[in-house]
Amino acid sequence: MKRDLLYLIKKIDDIKTHFHTMGWNGIPCVATIYDTSAFSTWKQEVQLELQEVYDRTKDKFIWDTLVNLRQGFNGCNDETKFNELSGSLYAISKNIDKYYYPA
């Protein structure tokens, strides 16, 4: 539903606080989020909402955002992928009426 997706998009800043530094051999080197439960839950909820939109609209931008969600997070590039995802979600929110038609 429209309000559910908008609510999830508004949580981006809160979810971003779950980034933490991961390192190898005691050396911190990568900002990571993929392994936190808060991010995992949020990601699945966003994915479910976007999948519903895609199933109805077959919109390429929604599809590309879903691909980023499914393939983008593995620790190595989480910060970059999160920023890309955030930008996509903000763009979707600005154009939300394109994806949800009036009743």
PDB file of N, CA and C in Angstrom:
ATOM      1  N   MET A   1       0.830  -1.182   0.000  1.00  0.00           N
ATOM      2  CA  MET A   1       0.000   0.000   0.000  1.00  0.00           C
ATOM      3  C   MET A   1       0.879   1.252   0.000  1.00  0.00           C
ATOM      4  N   LYS A   2       0.331   2.291  -0.568  1.00  0.00           N
ATOM      5  CA  LYS A   2       1.059   3.543  -0.718  1.00  0.00           C
ATOM      6  C   LYS A   2       1.634   4.039   0.608  1.00  0.00           C
ATOM      7  N   ARG A   3       0.801   4.085   1.641  1.00  0.00           N
ATOM      8  CA  ARG A   3       1.282   4.630   2.923  1.00  0.00           C
ATOM      9  C   ARG A   3       2.353   3.748   3.546  1.00  0.00           C
ATOM     10  N   ASP A   4       2.278   2.429   3.313  1.00  0.00           N
ATOM     11  CA  ASP A   4       3.298   1.523   3.850  1.00  0.00           C
ATOM     12  C   ASP A   4       4.657   1.780   3.206  1.00  0.00           C
ATOM     13  N   LEU A   5       4.652   1.952   1.892  1.00  0.00           N
ATOM     14  CA  LEU A   5       5.913   2.221   1.200  1.00  0.00           C
ATOM     15  C   LEU A   5       6.475   3.573   1.634  1.00  0.00           C
ATOM     16  N   LEU A   6       5.632   4.584   1.731  1.00  0.00           N
ATOM     17  CA  LEU A   6       6.106   5.901   2.173  1.00  0.00           C
ATOM     18  C   LEU A   6       6.667   5.842   3.595  1.00  0.00           C
ATOM     19  N   TYR A   7       6.031   5.065   4.458  1.00  0.00           N
ATOM     20  CA  TYR A   7       6.533   4.887   5.825  1.00  0.00           C
ATOM     21  C   TYR A   7       7.927   4.257   5.806  1.00  0.00           C
ATOM     22  N   LEU A   8       8.118   3.235   4.997  1.00  0.00           N
ATOM     23  CA  LEU A   8       9.426   2.568   4.910  1.00  0.00           C
ATOM     24  C   LEU A   8      10.488   3.511   4.364  1.00  0.00           C
ATOM     25  N   ILE A   9      10.120   4.338   3.405  1.00  0.00           N
ATOM     26  CA  ILE A   9      11.073   5.299   2.848  1.00  0.00           C
ATOM     27  C   ILE A   9      11.461   6.332   3.906  1.00  0.00           C
ATOM     28  N   LYS A  10      10.515   6.741   4.730  1.00  0.00           N
ATOM     29  CA  LYS A  10      10.812   7.700   5.803  1.00  0.00           C
ATOM     30  C   LYS A  10      11.756   7.117   6.848  1.00  0.00           C
ATOM     31  N   LYS A  11      11.881   5.803   6.907  1.00  0.00           N
ATOM     32  CA  LYS A  11      12.764   5.160   7.877  1.00  0.00           C
ATOM     33  C   LYS A  11      14.217   5.075   7.415  1.00  0.00           C
ATOM     34  N   ILE A  12      14.530   5.557   6.226  1.00  0.00           N
ATOM     35  CA  ILE A  12      15.888   5.449   5.686  1.00  0.00           C
ATOM     36  C   ILE A  12      16.928   5.990   6.664  1.00  0.00           C
ATOM     37  N   ASP A  13      16.708   7.190   7.201  1.00  0.00           N
ATOM     38  CA  ASP A  13      17.704   7.785   8.105  1.00  0.00           C
ATOM     39  C   ASP A  13      17.898   6.944   9.364  1.00  0.00           C
ATOM     40  N   ASP A  14      16.824   6.381   9.882  1.00  0.00           N
ATOM     41  CA  ASP A  14      16.923   5.510  11.053  1.00  0.00           C
ATOM     42  C   ASP A  14      17.703   4.236  10.717  1.00  0.00           C
ATOM     43  N   ILE A  15      17.407   3.650   9.584  1.00  0.00           N
ATOM     44  CA  ILE A  15      18.094   2.420   9.172  1.00  0.00           C
ATOM     45  C   ILE A  15      19.584   2.698   8.963  1.00  0.00           C
ATOM     46  N   LYS A  16      19.899   3.844   8.427  1.00  0.00           N
ATOM     47  CA  LYS A  16      21.300   4.204   8.164  1.00  0.00           C
ATOM     48  C   LYS A  16      22.143   4.202   9.442  1.00  0.00           C
ATOM     49  N   THR A  17      21.509   4.437  10.589  1.00  0.00           N
ATOM     50  CA  THR A  17      22.257   4.449  11.851  1.00  0.00           C
ATOM     51  C   THR A  17      22.771   3.052  12.225  1.00  0.00           C
ATOM     52  N   HIS A  18      22.337   2.033  11.531  1.00  0.00           N
ATOM     53  CA  HIS A  18      22.766   0.664  11.831  1.00  0.00           C
ATOM     54  C   HIS A  18      24.055   0.259  11.106  1.00  0.00           C
ATOM     55  N   PHE A  19      24.629   1.167  10.337  1.00  0.00           N
ATOM     56  CA  PHE A  19      25.934   0.882   9.738  1.00  0.00           C
ATOM     57  C   PHE A  19      26.963   0.707  10.846  1.00  0.00           C
ATOM     58  N   HIS A  20      27.873  -0.192  10.655  1.00  0.00           N
ATOM     59  CA  HIS A  20      28.979  -0.385  11.592  1.00  0.00           C
ATOM     60  C   HIS A  20      30.224  -0.743  10.786  1.00  0.00           C
ATOM     61  N   THR A  21      31.369  -0.579  11.415  1.00  0.00           N
ATOM     62  CA  THR A  21      32.627  -0.839  10.722  1.00  0.00           C
ATOM     63  C   THR A  21      33.034  -2.287  10.899  1.00  0.00           C
ATOM     64  N   MET A  22      33.356  -2.884   9.788  1.00  0.00           N
ATOM     65  CA  MET A  22      33.813  -4.270   9.798  1.00  0.00           C
ATOM     66  C   MET A  22      35.255  -4.272   9.309  1.00  0.00           C
ATOM     67  N   GLY A  23      36.068  -5.092   9.900  1.00  0.00           N
ATOM     68  CA  GLY A  23      37.458  -5.123   9.486  1.00  0.00           C
ATOM     69  C   GLY A  23      37.991  -6.529   9.330  1.00  0.00           C
ATOM     70  N   TRP A  24      39.180  -6.595   8.838  1.00  0.00           N
ATOM     71  CA  TRP A  24      39.880  -7.861   8.679  1.00  0.00           C
ATOM     72  C   TRP A  24      41.228  -7.747   9.372  1.00  0.00           C
ATOM     73  N   ASN A  25      41.567  -8.781  10.094  1.00  0.00           N
ATOM     74  CA  ASN A  25      42.830  -8.812  10.844  1.00  0.00           C
ATOM     75  C   ASN A  25      42.958  -7.610  11.778  1.00  0.00           C
ATOM     76  N   GLY A  26      41.838  -7.195  12.382  1.00  0.00           N
ATOM     77  CA  GLY A  26      41.864  -6.112  13.343  1.00  0.00           C
ATOM     78  C   GLY A  26      41.900  -4.717  12.754  1.00  0.00           C
ATOM     79  N   ILE A  27      41.850  -4.607  11.433  1.00  0.00           N
ATOM     80  CA  ILE A  27      41.913  -3.298  10.783  1.00  0.00           C
ATOM     81  C   ILE A  27      40.521  -2.936  10.268  1.00  0.00           C
ATOM     82  N   PRO A  28      39.895  -1.874  10.835  1.00  0.00           N
ATOM     83  CA  PRO A  28      38.574  -1.476  10.336  1.00  0.00           C
ATOM     84  C   PRO A  28      38.688  -0.918   8.924  1.00  0.00           C
ATOM     85  N   CYS A  29      37.791  -1.362   8.053  1.00  0.00           N
ATOM     86  CA  CYS A  29      37.939  -0.877   6.683  1.00  0.00           C
ATOM     87  C   CYS A  29      36.640  -0.706   5.905  1.00  0.00           C
ATOM     88  N   VAL A  30      35.553  -1.310   6.345  1.00  0.00           N
ATOM     89  CA  VAL A  30      34.340  -1.263   5.537  1.00  0.00           C
ATOM     90  C   VAL A  30      33.130  -0.932   6.405  1.00  0.00           C
ATOM     91  N   ALA A  31      32.334   0.057   5.967  1.00  0.00           N
ATOM     92  CA  ALA A  31      31.059   0.341   6.629  1.00  0.00           C
ATOM     93  C   ALA A  31      30.045  -0.678   6.113  1.00  0.00           C
ATOM     94  N   THR A  32      29.475  -1.433   7.032  1.00  0.00           N
ATOM     95  CA  THR A  32      28.616  -2.567   6.695  1.00  0.00           C
ATOM     96  C   THR A  32      27.252  -2.420   7.351  1.00  0.00           C
ATOM     97  N   ILE A  33      26.233  -2.945   6.664  1.00  0.00           N
ATOM     98  CA  ILE A  33      24.892  -2.947   7.246  1.00  0.00           C
ATOM     99  C   ILE A  33      24.161  -4.258   6.964  1.00  0.00           C
ATOM    100  N   TYR A  34      24.606  -5.006   5.982  1.00  0.00           N
ATOM    101  CA  TYR A  34      23.873  -6.182   5.510  1.00  0.00           C
ATOM    102  C   TYR A  34      23.587  -7.214   6.587  1.00  0.00           C
ATOM    103  N   ASP A  35      24.392  -7.235   7.637  1.00  0.00           N
ATOM    104  CA  ASP A  35      24.279  -8.292   8.644  1.00  0.00           C
ATOM    105  C   ASP A  35      23.504  -7.867   9.893  1.00  0.00           C
ATOM    106  N   THR A  36      22.806  -6.729   9.825  1.00  0.00           N
ATOM    107  CA  THR A  36      22.018  -6.303  10.984  1.00  0.00           C
ATOM    108  C   THR A  36      20.551  -6.698  10.792  1.00  0.00           C
ATOM    109  N   SER A  37      19.912  -7.072  11.880  1.00  0.00           N
ATOM    110  CA  SER A  37      18.521  -7.513  11.783  1.00  0.00           C
ATOM    111  C   SER A  37      17.594  -6.369  11.393  1.00  0.00           C
ATOM    112  N   ALA A  38      17.867  -5.155  11.875  1.00  0.00           N
ATOM    113  CA  ALA A  38      17.016  -4.011  11.530  1.00  0.00           C
ATOM    114  C   ALA A  38      17.036  -3.765  10.027  1.00  0.00           C
ATOM    115  N   PHE A  39      18.226  -3.796   9.435  1.00  0.00           N
ATOM    116  CA  PHE A  39      18.327  -3.590   7.994  1.00  0.00           C
ATOM    117  C   PHE A  39      17.675  -4.734   7.234  1.00  0.00           C
ATOM    118  N   SER A  40      17.931  -5.942   7.654  1.00  0.00           N
ATOM    119  CA  SER A  40      17.374  -7.105   6.970  1.00  0.00           C
ATOM    120  C   SER A  40      15.846  -7.066   6.957  1.00  0.00           C
ATOM    121  N   THR A  41      15.253  -6.746   8.090  1.00  0.00           N
ATOM    122  CA  THR A  41      13.794  -6.658   8.174  1.00  0.00           C
ATOM    123  C   THR A  41      13.266  -5.540   7.292  1.00  0.00           C
ATOM    124  N   TRP A  42      13.880  -4.375   7.380  1.00  0.00           N
ATOM    125  CA  TRP A  42      13.470  -3.224   6.573  1.00  0.00           C
ATOM    126  C   TRP A  42      13.600  -3.543   5.086  1.00  0.00           C
ATOM    127  N   LYS A  43      14.712  -4.130   4.718  1.00  0.00           N
ATOM    128  CA  LYS A  43      14.967  -4.475   3.315  1.00  0.00           C
ATOM    129  C   LYS A  43      13.888  -5.413   2.778  1.00  0.00           C
ATOM    130  N   GLN A  44      13.529  -6.420   3.550  1.00  0.00           N
ATOM    131  CA  GLN A  44      12.498  -7.364   3.112  1.00  0.00           C
ATOM    132  C   GLN A  44      11.146  -6.676   2.967  1.00  0.00           C
ATOM    133  N   GLU A  45      10.831  -5.780   3.878  1.00  0.00           N
ATOM    134  CA  GLU A  45       9.559  -5.053   3.807  1.00  0.00           C
ATOM    135  C   GLU A  45       9.513  -4.150   2.570  1.00  0.00           C
ATOM    136  N   VAL A  46      10.614  -3.450   2.303  1.00  0.00           N
ATOM    137  CA  VAL A  46      10.684  -2.601   1.110  1.00  0.00           C
ATOM    138  C   VAL A  46      10.558  -3.468  -0.144  1.00  0.00           C
ATOM    139  N   GLN A  47      11.263  -4.573  -0.148  1.00  0.00           N
ATOM    140  CA  GLN A  47      11.226  -5.473  -1.303  1.00  0.00           C
ATOM    141  C   GLN A  47       9.803  -5.964  -1.570  1.00  0.00           C
ATOM    142  N   LEU A  48       9.095  -6.339  -0.532  1.00  0.00           N
ATOM    143  CA  LEU A  48       7.725  -6.814  -0.673  1.00  0.00           C
ATOM    144  C   LEU A  48       6.815  -5.723  -1.257  1.00  0.00           C
ATOM    145  N   GLU A  49       6.944  -4.507  -0.751  1.00  0.00           N
ATOM    146  CA  GLU A  49       6.128  -3.401  -1.266  1.00  0.00           C
ATOM    147  C   GLU A  49       6.464  -3.096  -2.724  1.00  0.00           C
ATOM    148  N   LEU A  50       7.743  -3.052  -3.051  1.00  0.00           N
ATOM    149  CA  LEU A  50       8.137  -2.752  -4.428  1.00  0.00           C
ATOM    150  C   LEU A  50       7.738  -3.868  -5.382  1.00  0.00           C
ATOM    151  N   GLN A  51       7.796  -5.108  -4.914  1.00  0.00           N
ATOM    152  CA  GLN A  51       7.384  -6.229  -5.767  1.00  0.00           C
ATOM    153  C   GLN A  51       5.906  -6.102  -6.126  1.00  0.00           C
ATOM    154  N   GLU A  52       5.103  -5.696  -5.159  1.00  0.00           N
ATOM    155  CA  GLU A  52       3.672  -5.504  -5.412  1.00  0.00           C
ATOM    156  C   GLU A  52       3.463  -4.401  -6.458  1.00  0.00           C
ATOM    157  N   VAL A  53       4.218  -3.314  -6.340  1.00  0.00           N
ATOM    158  CA  VAL A  53       4.117  -2.227  -7.319  1.00  0.00           C
ATOM    159  C   VAL A  53       4.555  -2.732  -8.692  1.00  0.00           C
ATOM    160  N   TYR A  54       5.671  -3.449  -8.731  1.00  0.00           N
ATOM    161  CA  TYR A  54       6.160  -3.953 -10.014  1.00  0.00           C
ATOM    162  C   TYR A  54       5.167  -4.916 -10.658  1.00  0.00           C
ATOM    163  N   ASP A  55       4.577  -5.794  -9.871  1.00  0.00           N
ATOM    164  CA  ASP A  55       3.613  -6.761 -10.411  1.00  0.00           C
ATOM    165  C   ASP A  55       2.436  -6.053 -11.089  1.00  0.00           C
ATOM    166  N   ARG A  56       2.045  -4.908 -10.551  1.00  0.00           N
ATOM    167  CA  ARG A  56       0.938  -4.153 -11.135  1.00  0.00           C
ATOM    168  C   ARG A  56       1.354  -3.304 -12.315  1.00  0.00           C
ATOM    169  N   THR A  57       2.564  -2.706 -12.250  1.00  0.00           N
ATOM    170  CA  THR A  57       2.936  -1.676 -13.216  1.00  0.00           C
ATOM    171  C   THR A  57       3.969  -2.110 -14.251  1.00  0.00           C
ATOM    172  N   LYS A  58       4.769  -3.102 -13.923  1.00  0.00           N
ATOM    173  CA  LYS A  58       5.897  -3.531 -14.780  1.00  0.00           C
ATOM    174  C   LYS A  58       6.845  -2.360 -15.067  1.00  0.00           C
ATOM    175  N   ASP A  59       6.993  -1.463 -14.097  1.00  0.00           N
ATOM    176  CA  ASP A  59       7.828  -0.276 -14.241  1.00  0.00           C
ATOM    177  C   ASP A  59       9.311  -0.640 -14.132  1.00  0.00           C
ATOM    178  N   LYS A  60      10.106  -0.196 -15.104  1.00  0.00           N
ATOM    179  CA  LYS A  60      11.533  -0.540 -15.146  1.00  0.00           C
ATOM    180  C   LYS A  60      12.308   0.044 -13.959  1.00  0.00           C
ATOM    181  N   PHE A  61      11.975   1.254 -13.541  1.00  0.00           N
ATOM    182  CA  PHE A  61      12.676   1.867 -12.418  1.00  0.00           C
ATOM    183  C   PHE A  61      12.449   1.057 -11.137  1.00  0.00           C
ATOM    184  N   ILE A  62      11.224   0.618 -10.936  1.00  0.00           N
ATOM    185  CA  ILE A  62      10.925  -0.235  -9.778  1.00  0.00           C
ATOM    186  C   ILE A  62      11.716  -1.534  -9.891  1.00  0.00           C
ATOM    187  N   TRP A  63      11.753  -2.119 -11.080  1.00  0.00           N
ATOM    188  CA  TRP A  63      12.504  -3.366 -11.291  1.00  0.00           C
ATOM    189  C   TRP A  63      13.982  -3.157 -10.957  1.00  0.00           C
ATOM    190  N   ASP A  64      14.571  -2.085 -11.456  1.00  0.00           N
ATOM    191  CA  ASP A  64      15.987  -1.809 -11.189  1.00  0.00           C
ATOM    192  C   ASP A  64      16.238  -1.636  -9.692  1.00  0.00           C
ATOM    193  N   THR A  65      15.320  -1.011  -8.998  1.00  0.00           N
ATOM    194  CA  THR A  65      15.445  -0.837  -7.549  1.00  0.00           C
ATOM    195  C   THR A  65      15.356  -2.188  -6.845  1.00  0.00           C
ATOM    196  N   LEU A  66      14.473  -3.053  -7.308  1.00  0.00           N
ATOM    197  CA  LEU A  66      14.380  -4.404  -6.747  1.00  0.00           C
ATOM    198  C   LEU A  66      15.672  -5.187  -6.965  1.00  0.00           C
ATOM    199  N   VAL A  67      16.258  -5.068  -8.127  1.00  0.00           N
ATOM    200  CA  VAL A  67      17.529  -5.756  -8.405  1.00  0.00           C
ATOM    201  C   VAL A  67      18.606  -5.263  -7.450  1.00  0.00           C
ATOM    202  N   ASN A  68      18.680  -3.950  -7.236  1.00  0.00           N
ATOM    203  CA  ASN A  68      19.643  -3.381  -6.296  1.00  0.00           C
ATOM    204  C   ASN A  68      19.416  -3.942  -4.894  1.00  0.00           C
ATOM    205  N   LEU A  69      18.169  -4.036  -4.496  1.00  0.00           N
ATOM    206  CA  LEU A  69      17.837  -4.590  -3.170  1.00  0.00           C
ATOM    207  C   LEU A  69      18.287  -6.039  -3.046  1.00  0.00           C
ATOM    208  N   ARG A  70      18.064  -6.817  -4.059  1.00  0.00           N
ATOM    209  CA  ARG A  70      18.349  -8.257  -4.004  1.00  0.00           C
ATOM    210  C   ARG A  70      19.829  -8.577  -4.122  1.00  0.00           C
ATOM    211  N   GLN A  71      20.547  -7.776  -4.878  1.00  0.00           N
ATOM    212  CA  GLN A  71      21.931  -8.129  -5.181  1.00  0.00           C
ATOM    213  C   GLN A  71      22.965  -7.179  -4.598  1.00  0.00           C
ATOM    214  N   GLY A  72      22.528  -6.083  -4.025  1.00  0.00           N
ATOM    215  CA  GLY A  72      23.469  -5.025  -3.706  1.00  0.00           C
ATOM    216  C   GLY A  72      24.221  -5.090  -2.400  1.00  0.00           C
ATOM    217  N   PHE A  73      23.852  -5.971  -1.487  1.00  0.00           N
ATOM    218  CA  PHE A  73      24.426  -5.872  -0.144  1.00  0.00           C
ATOM    219  C   PHE A  73      25.160  -7.145   0.243  1.00  0.00           C
ATOM    220  N   ASN A  74      26.477  -6.987   0.482  1.00  0.00           N
ATOM    221  CA  ASN A  74      27.300  -8.127   0.862  1.00  0.00           C
ATOM    222  C   ASN A  74      28.442  -7.714   1.787  1.00  0.00           C
ATOM    223  N   GLY A  75      28.432  -6.470   2.244  1.00  0.00           N
ATOM    224  CA  GLY A  75      29.472  -5.989   3.138  1.00  0.00           C
ATOM    225  C   GLY A  75      30.494  -5.114   2.454  1.00  0.00           C
ATOM    226  N   CYS A  76      30.942  -5.510   1.286  1.00  0.00           N
ATOM    227  CA  CYS A  76      32.026  -4.786   0.621  1.00  0.00           C
ATOM    228  C   CYS A  76      31.627  -3.412   0.108  1.00  0.00           C
ATOM    229  N   ASN A  77      30.411  -3.307  -0.380  1.00  0.00           N
ATOM    230  CA  ASN A  77      29.985  -2.044  -0.977  1.00  0.00           C
ATOM    231  C   ASN A  77      28.650  -1.563  -0.414  1.00  0.00           C
ATOM    232  N   ASP A  78      28.371  -1.923   0.821  1.00  0.00           N
ATOM    233  CA  ASP A  78      27.071  -1.609   1.410  1.00  0.00           C
ATOM    234  C   ASP A  78      26.758  -0.116   1.413  1.00  0.00           C
ATOM    235  N   GLU A  79      27.738   0.705   1.740  1.00  0.00           N
ATOM    236  CA  GLU A  79      27.480   2.139   1.846  1.00  0.00           C
ATOM    237  C   GLU A  79      27.092   2.730   0.492  1.00  0.00           C
ATOM    238  N   THR A  80      27.810   2.372  -0.538  1.00  0.00           N
ATOM    239  CA  THR A  80      27.497   2.849  -1.888  1.00  0.00           C
ATOM    240  C   THR A  80      26.132   2.361  -2.328  1.00  0.00           C
ATOM    241  N   LYS A  81      25.859   1.090  -2.130  1.00  0.00           N
ATOM    242  CA  LYS A  81      24.573   0.521  -2.540  1.00  0.00           C
ATOM    243  C   LYS A  81      23.415   1.107  -1.728  1.00  0.00           C
ATOM    244  N   PHE A  82      23.649   1.358  -0.448  1.00  0.00           N
ATOM    245  CA  PHE A  82      22.606   1.966   0.377  1.00  0.00           C
ATOM    246  C   PHE A  82      22.285   3.368  -0.118  1.00  0.00           C
ATOM    247  N   ASN A  83      23.314   4.129  -0.476  1.00  0.00           N
ATOM    248  CA  ASN A  83      23.097   5.476  -0.991  1.00  0.00           C
ATOM    249  C   ASN A  83      22.327   5.438  -2.312  1.00  0.00           C
ATOM    250  N   GLU A  84      22.662   4.491  -3.177  1.00  0.00           N
ATOM    251  CA  GLU A  84      21.938   4.332  -4.443  1.00  0.00           C
ATOM    252  C   GLU A  84      20.481   3.955  -4.172  1.00  0.00           C
ATOM    253  N   LEU A  85      20.271   3.006  -3.263  1.00  0.00           N
ATOM    254  CA  LEU A  85      18.930   2.575  -2.919  1.00  0.00           C
ATOM    255  C   LEU A  85      18.125   3.727  -2.329  1.00  0.00           C
ATOM    256  N   SER A  86      18.740   4.481  -1.427  1.00  0.00           N
ATOM    257  CA  SER A  86      18.064   5.632  -0.825  1.00  0.00           C
ATOM    258  C   SER A  86      17.635   6.627  -1.892  1.00  0.00           C
ATOM    259  N   GLY A  87      18.521   6.914  -2.828  1.00  0.00           N
ATOM    260  CA  GLY A  87      18.187   7.837  -3.916  1.00  0.00           C
ATOM    261  C   GLY A  87      17.013   7.326  -4.740  1.00  0.00           C
ATOM    262  N   SER A  88      17.018   6.048  -5.039  1.00  0.00           N
ATOM    263  CA  SER A  88      15.914   5.461  -5.800  1.00  0.00           C
ATOM    264  C   SER A  88      14.605   5.553  -5.027  1.00  0.00           C
ATOM    265  N   LEU A  89      14.653   5.233  -3.744  1.00  0.00           N
ATOM    266  CA  LEU A  89      13.437   5.278  -2.934  1.00  0.00           C
ATOM    267  C   LEU A  89      12.909   6.700  -2.781  1.00  0.00           C
ATOM    268  N   TYR A  90      13.808   7.676  -2.644  1.00  0.00           N
ATOM    269  CA  TYR A  90      13.366   9.069  -2.573  1.00  0.00           C
ATOM    270  C   TYR A  90      12.719   9.489  -3.892  1.00  0.00           C
ATOM    271  N   ALA A  91      13.288   9.053  -5.010  1.00  0.00           N
ATOM    272  CA  ALA A  91      12.700   9.364  -6.318  1.00  0.00           C
ATOM    273  C   ALA A  91      11.315   8.731  -6.441  1.00  0.00           C
ATOM    274  N   ILE A  92      11.179   7.511  -5.977  1.00  0.00           N
ATOM    275  CA  ILE A  92       9.877   6.843  -6.002  1.00  0.00           C
ATOM    276  C   ILE A  92       8.876   7.625  -5.155  1.00  0.00           C
ATOM    277  N   SER A  93       9.307   8.064  -3.972  1.00  0.00           N
ATOM    278  CA  SER A  93       8.379   8.797  -3.099  1.00  0.00           C
ATOM    279  C   SER A  93       7.934  10.119  -3.724  1.00  0.00           C
ATOM    280  N   LYS A  94       8.830  10.777  -4.448  1.00  0.00           N
ATOM    281  CA  LYS A  94       8.469  12.035  -5.106  1.00  0.00           C
ATOM    282  C   LYS A  94       7.478  11.809  -6.236  1.00  0.00           C
ATOM    283  N   ASN A  95       7.476  10.612  -6.786  1.00  0.00           N
ATOM    284  CA  ASN A  95       6.594  10.275  -7.909  1.00  0.00           C
ATOM    285  C   ASN A  95       5.586   9.203  -7.524  1.00  0.00           C
ATOM    286  N   ILE A  96       5.228   9.149  -6.261  1.00  0.00           N
ATOM    287  CA  ILE A  96       4.429   8.048  -5.728  1.00  0.00           C
ATOM    288  C   ILE A  96       3.090   7.885  -6.444  1.00  0.00           C
ATOM    289  N   ASP A  97       2.497   8.982  -6.886  1.00  0.00           N
ATOM    290  CA  ASP A  97       1.197   8.874  -7.546  1.00  0.00           C
ATOM    291  C   ASP A  97       1.282   8.156  -8.894  1.00  0.00           C
ATOM    292  N   LYS A  98       2.461   8.086  -9.456  1.00  0.00           N
ATOM    293  CA  LYS A  98       2.660   7.317 -10.692  1.00  0.00           C
ATOM    294  C   LYS A  98       2.438   5.830 -10.450  1.00  0.00           C
ATOM    295  N   TYR A  99       2.700   5.393  -9.240  1.00  0.00           N
ATOM    296  CA  TYR A  99       2.652   3.969  -8.921  1.00  0.00           C
ATOM    297  C   TYR A  99       1.358   3.542  -8.221  1.00  0.00           C
ATOM    298  N   TYR A 100       0.645   4.508  -7.671  1.00  0.00           N
ATOM    299  CA  TYR A 100      -0.611   4.223  -6.968  1.00  0.00           C
ATOM    300  C   TYR A 100      -1.693   5.112  -7.552  1.00  0.00           C
ATOM    301  N   TYR A 101      -2.621   4.516  -8.201  1.00  0.00           N
ATOM    302  CA  TYR A 101      -3.686   5.265  -8.849  1.00  0.00           C
ATOM    303  C   TYR A 101      -4.813   5.542  -7.868  1.00  0.00           C
ATOM    304  N   PRO A 102      -5.522   6.668  -8.059  1.00  0.00           N
ATOM    305  CA  PRO A 102      -6.643   6.956  -7.160  1.00  0.00           C
ATOM    306  C   PRO A 102      -7.718   5.856  -7.250  1.00  0.00           C
ATOM    307  N   ALA A 103      -8.367   5.628  -6.127  1.00  0.00           N
ATOM    308  CA  ALA A 103      -9.391   4.579  -6.078  1.00  0.00           C
ATOM    309  C   ALA A 103     -10.609   4.975  -6.869  1.00  0.00           C
TER     310      ALA A 103
END
